[in-house]
Amino acid sequence: NKVDTFEEPTAGYMILNSSVQYSFNTGILIHNFSLNVDNIFNKEYRNHLSRVKSILPEAGRNFRLVYKLYFDI
């Protein structure tokens, strides 16, 4: 809990992230789908090591749908 002379203290935080993934093969191709949700409860928090923490919090709730295609050679 000690901060240096020119540092601003930051509050502790806990965020919850989750993801689901599905993969299937078609011949030599592997298809991969994933759905990711970061900061599910939309908690406002500040990263202590961020240079802009005093003016800008970290990202709120974020959704990502990802498709990856692999070649199984």
N, C-alpha and C. Protein backbone atom coordinates (compact mmCIF):
# COMPACT_ATOMS: atom_id res chain seq x y z
N ASN A 1 0.80 -1.20 0.00
CA ASN A 1 0.00 0.00 0.00
C ASN A 1 0.84 1.26 0.00
N LYS A 2 2.14 1.13 -0.10
CA LYS A 2 2.99 2.31 -0.13
C LYS A 2 3.14 2.78 -1.57
N VAL A 3 3.02 4.08 -1.77
CA VAL A 3 3.25 4.65 -3.10
C VAL A 3 4.42 5.61 -3.01
N ASP A 4 5.08 5.82 -4.12
CA ASP A 4 6.23 6.70 -4.16
C ASP A 4 5.79 8.16 -4.01
N THR A 5 6.75 9.04 -3.85
CA THR A 5 6.48 10.45 -3.59
C THR A 5 5.57 11.08 -4.63
N PHE A 6 5.80 10.81 -5.90
CA PHE A 6 5.04 11.48 -6.96
C PHE A 6 3.95 10.59 -7.56
N GLU A 7 3.61 9.49 -6.90
CA GLU A 7 2.54 8.60 -7.37
C GLU A 7 1.22 8.94 -6.69
N GLU A 8 0.14 8.69 -7.43
CA GLU A 8 -1.20 8.82 -6.84
C GLU A 8 -1.68 7.42 -6.47
N PRO A 9 -2.26 7.25 -5.29
CA PRO A 9 -2.77 5.92 -4.92
C PRO A 9 -4.00 5.56 -5.76
N THR A 10 -4.20 4.28 -5.96
CA THR A 10 -5.38 3.80 -6.68
C THR A 10 -6.09 2.74 -5.84
N ALA A 11 -7.40 2.67 -6.00
CA ALA A 11 -8.19 1.68 -5.26
C ALA A 11 -8.01 0.30 -5.89
N GLY A 12 -8.16 -0.73 -5.07
CA GLY A 12 -8.13 -2.09 -5.59
C GLY A 12 -9.38 -2.36 -6.42
N TYR A 13 -9.33 -3.37 -7.25
CA TYR A 13 -10.49 -3.72 -8.08
C TYR A 13 -10.45 -5.19 -8.44
N MET A 14 -11.60 -5.71 -8.83
CA MET A 14 -11.71 -7.06 -9.35
C MET A 14 -12.71 -7.01 -10.49
N ILE A 15 -12.33 -7.57 -11.63
CA ILE A 15 -13.23 -7.62 -12.78
C ILE A 15 -13.43 -9.07 -13.18
N LEU A 16 -14.50 -9.33 -13.89
CA LEU A 16 -14.82 -10.68 -14.33
C LEU A 16 -14.88 -10.71 -15.86
N ASN A 17 -14.11 -11.63 -16.45
CA ASN A 17 -14.11 -11.85 -17.89
C ASN A 17 -14.58 -13.27 -18.15
N SER A 18 -15.15 -13.52 -19.32
CA SER A 18 -15.60 -14.86 -19.65
C SER A 18 -15.50 -15.08 -21.16
N SER A 19 -15.38 -16.35 -21.55
CA SER A 19 -15.37 -16.66 -22.98
C SER A 19 -15.89 -18.07 -23.21
N VAL A 20 -16.45 -18.29 -24.38
CA VAL A 20 -16.86 -19.62 -24.83
C VAL A 20 -16.26 -19.82 -26.21
N GLN A 21 -15.97 -21.09 -26.53
CA GLN A 21 -15.28 -21.38 -27.78
C GLN A 21 -15.84 -22.65 -28.39
N TYR A 22 -15.91 -22.69 -29.72
CA TYR A 22 -16.37 -23.87 -30.44
C TYR A 22 -15.47 -24.08 -31.65
N SER A 23 -15.02 -25.31 -31.85
CA SER A 23 -14.16 -25.65 -32.99
C SER A 23 -14.72 -26.86 -33.72
N PHE A 24 -14.53 -26.88 -35.04
CA PHE A 24 -14.88 -28.07 -35.81
C PHE A 24 -13.98 -28.15 -37.03
N ASN A 25 -13.84 -29.37 -37.58
CA ASN A 25 -12.97 -29.62 -38.72
C ASN A 25 -13.79 -29.84 -39.98
N THR A 26 -13.25 -29.36 -41.11
CA THR A 26 -13.79 -29.67 -42.43
C THR A 26 -12.59 -29.97 -43.32
N GLY A 27 -12.29 -31.24 -43.48
CA GLY A 27 -11.12 -31.60 -44.26
C GLY A 27 -9.84 -31.16 -43.56
N ILE A 28 -9.03 -30.37 -44.25
CA ILE A 28 -7.77 -29.90 -43.64
C ILE A 28 -7.94 -28.57 -42.91
N LEU A 29 -9.17 -28.07 -42.84
CA LEU A 29 -9.42 -26.78 -42.18
C LEU A 29 -9.99 -26.98 -40.78
N ILE A 30 -9.52 -26.19 -39.85
CA ILE A 30 -10.07 -26.17 -38.50
C ILE A 30 -10.69 -24.80 -38.29
N HIS A 31 -12.00 -24.77 -38.05
CA HIS A 31 -12.73 -23.53 -37.82
C HIS A 31 -12.88 -23.33 -36.32
N ASN A 32 -12.62 -22.13 -35.86
CA ASN A 32 -12.70 -21.84 -34.43
C ASN A 32 -13.47 -20.54 -34.23
N PHE A 33 -14.55 -20.62 -33.45
CA PHE A 33 -15.35 -19.44 -33.10
C PHE A 33 -15.23 -19.22 -31.60
N SER A 34 -15.11 -17.97 -31.19
CA SER A 34 -15.14 -17.67 -29.75
C SER A 34 -15.89 -16.37 -29.51
N LEU A 35 -16.58 -16.34 -28.38
CA LEU A 35 -17.27 -15.14 -27.91
C LEU A 35 -16.66 -14.78 -26.58
N ASN A 36 -16.15 -13.56 -26.47
CA ASN A 36 -15.47 -13.10 -25.26
C ASN A 36 -16.19 -11.88 -24.71
N VAL A 37 -16.33 -11.83 -23.40
CA VAL A 37 -16.89 -10.67 -22.72
C VAL A 37 -15.90 -10.27 -21.63
N ASP A 38 -15.41 -9.05 -21.70
CA ASP A 38 -14.49 -8.53 -20.69
C ASP A 38 -15.22 -7.52 -19.82
N ASN A 39 -14.88 -7.50 -18.54
CA ASN A 39 -15.48 -6.58 -17.57
C ASN A 39 -17.00 -6.70 -17.60
N ILE A 40 -17.49 -7.90 -17.34
CA ILE A 40 -18.91 -8.24 -17.45
C ILE A 40 -19.81 -7.27 -16.68
N PHE A 41 -19.41 -6.86 -15.47
CA PHE A 41 -20.25 -6.00 -14.65
C PHE A 41 -20.00 -4.51 -14.88
N ASN A 42 -19.22 -4.20 -15.92
CA ASN A 42 -18.95 -2.82 -16.33
C ASN A 42 -18.38 -1.97 -15.18
N LYS A 43 -17.44 -2.55 -14.45
CA LYS A 43 -16.81 -1.89 -13.30
C LYS A 43 -15.85 -0.81 -13.79
N GLU A 44 -15.96 0.39 -13.20
CA GLU A 44 -14.98 1.44 -13.52
C GLU A 44 -13.77 1.23 -12.62
N TYR A 45 -12.60 1.09 -13.25
CA TYR A 45 -11.37 0.87 -12.49
C TYR A 45 -10.21 1.56 -13.19
N ARG A 46 -9.14 1.73 -12.45
CA ARG A 46 -7.96 2.41 -12.98
C ARG A 46 -6.73 1.56 -12.73
N ASN A 47 -5.95 1.36 -13.78
CA ASN A 47 -4.72 0.60 -13.70
C ASN A 47 -3.65 1.46 -13.04
N HIS A 48 -3.08 0.99 -11.94
CA HIS A 48 -2.11 1.79 -11.19
C HIS A 48 -0.90 2.19 -12.05
N LEU A 49 -0.51 1.35 -13.00
CA LEU A 49 0.68 1.63 -13.81
C LEU A 49 0.39 2.49 -15.04
N SER A 50 -0.87 2.83 -15.28
CA SER A 50 -1.22 3.65 -16.43
C SER A 50 -0.79 5.10 -16.23
N ARG A 51 -0.23 5.69 -17.27
CA ARG A 51 0.20 7.10 -17.19
C ARG A 51 -0.98 8.06 -17.21
N VAL A 52 -2.14 7.62 -17.67
CA VAL A 52 -3.32 8.50 -17.76
C VAL A 52 -4.41 8.10 -16.77
N LYS A 53 -4.05 7.37 -15.72
CA LYS A 53 -5.05 6.85 -14.78
C LYS A 53 -5.85 7.95 -14.09
N SER A 54 -5.26 9.13 -13.93
CA SER A 54 -5.97 10.20 -13.22
C SER A 54 -7.08 10.83 -14.07
N ILE A 55 -7.02 10.65 -15.40
CA ILE A 55 -8.04 11.25 -16.27
C ILE A 55 -8.85 10.23 -17.06
N LEU A 56 -8.37 8.99 -17.15
CA LEU A 56 -9.02 8.02 -18.02
C LEU A 56 -9.05 6.63 -17.38
N PRO A 57 -10.25 6.11 -17.06
CA PRO A 57 -10.32 4.75 -16.51
C PRO A 57 -10.09 3.71 -17.61
N GLU A 58 -9.97 2.46 -17.20
CA GLU A 58 -9.81 1.37 -18.16
C GLU A 58 -11.14 1.11 -18.88
N ALA A 59 -11.10 0.28 -19.90
CA ALA A 59 -12.28 0.02 -20.74
C ALA A 59 -13.42 -0.59 -19.94
N GLY A 60 -14.63 -0.24 -20.31
CA GLY A 60 -15.83 -0.83 -19.70
C GLY A 60 -16.12 -2.19 -20.32
N ARG A 61 -17.38 -2.60 -20.25
CA ARG A 61 -17.78 -3.90 -20.80
C ARG A 61 -17.43 -3.95 -22.29
N ASN A 62 -16.90 -5.09 -22.71
CA ASN A 62 -16.42 -5.23 -24.07
C ASN A 62 -16.79 -6.63 -24.58
N PHE A 63 -17.40 -6.70 -25.78
CA PHE A 63 -17.77 -7.97 -26.41
C PHE A 63 -16.90 -8.17 -27.65
N ARG A 64 -16.46 -9.42 -27.87
CA ARG A 64 -15.69 -9.76 -29.06
C ARG A 64 -16.18 -11.10 -29.61
N LEU A 65 -16.45 -11.13 -30.89
CA LEU A 65 -16.74 -12.38 -31.59
C LEU A 65 -15.56 -12.62 -32.52
N VAL A 66 -14.90 -13.76 -32.37
CA VAL A 66 -13.66 -14.02 -33.10
C VAL A 66 -13.83 -15.30 -33.92
N TYR A 67 -13.38 -15.24 -35.17
CA TYR A 67 -13.34 -16.42 -36.03
C TYR A 67 -11.90 -16.62 -36.46
N LYS A 68 -11.39 -17.84 -36.25
CA LYS A 68 -10.03 -18.19 -36.69
C LYS A 68 -10.11 -19.41 -37.57
N LEU A 69 -9.28 -19.42 -38.59
CA LEU A 69 -9.22 -20.54 -39.53
C LEU A 69 -7.79 -21.07 -39.54
N TYR A 70 -7.65 -22.35 -39.22
CA TYR A 70 -6.33 -22.98 -39.20
C TYR A 70 -6.25 -24.02 -40.30
N PHE A 71 -5.07 -24.19 -40.86
CA PHE A 71 -4.81 -25.22 -41.85
C PHE A 71 -4.07 -26.36 -41.16
N ASP A 72 -4.67 -27.55 -41.17
CA ASP A 72 -4.08 -28.72 -40.52
C ASP A 72 -3.34 -29.53 -41.58
N ILE A 73 -2.13 -29.13 -41.86
CA ILE A 73 -1.36 -29.76 -42.94
C ILE A 73 -0.44 -30.82 -42.37
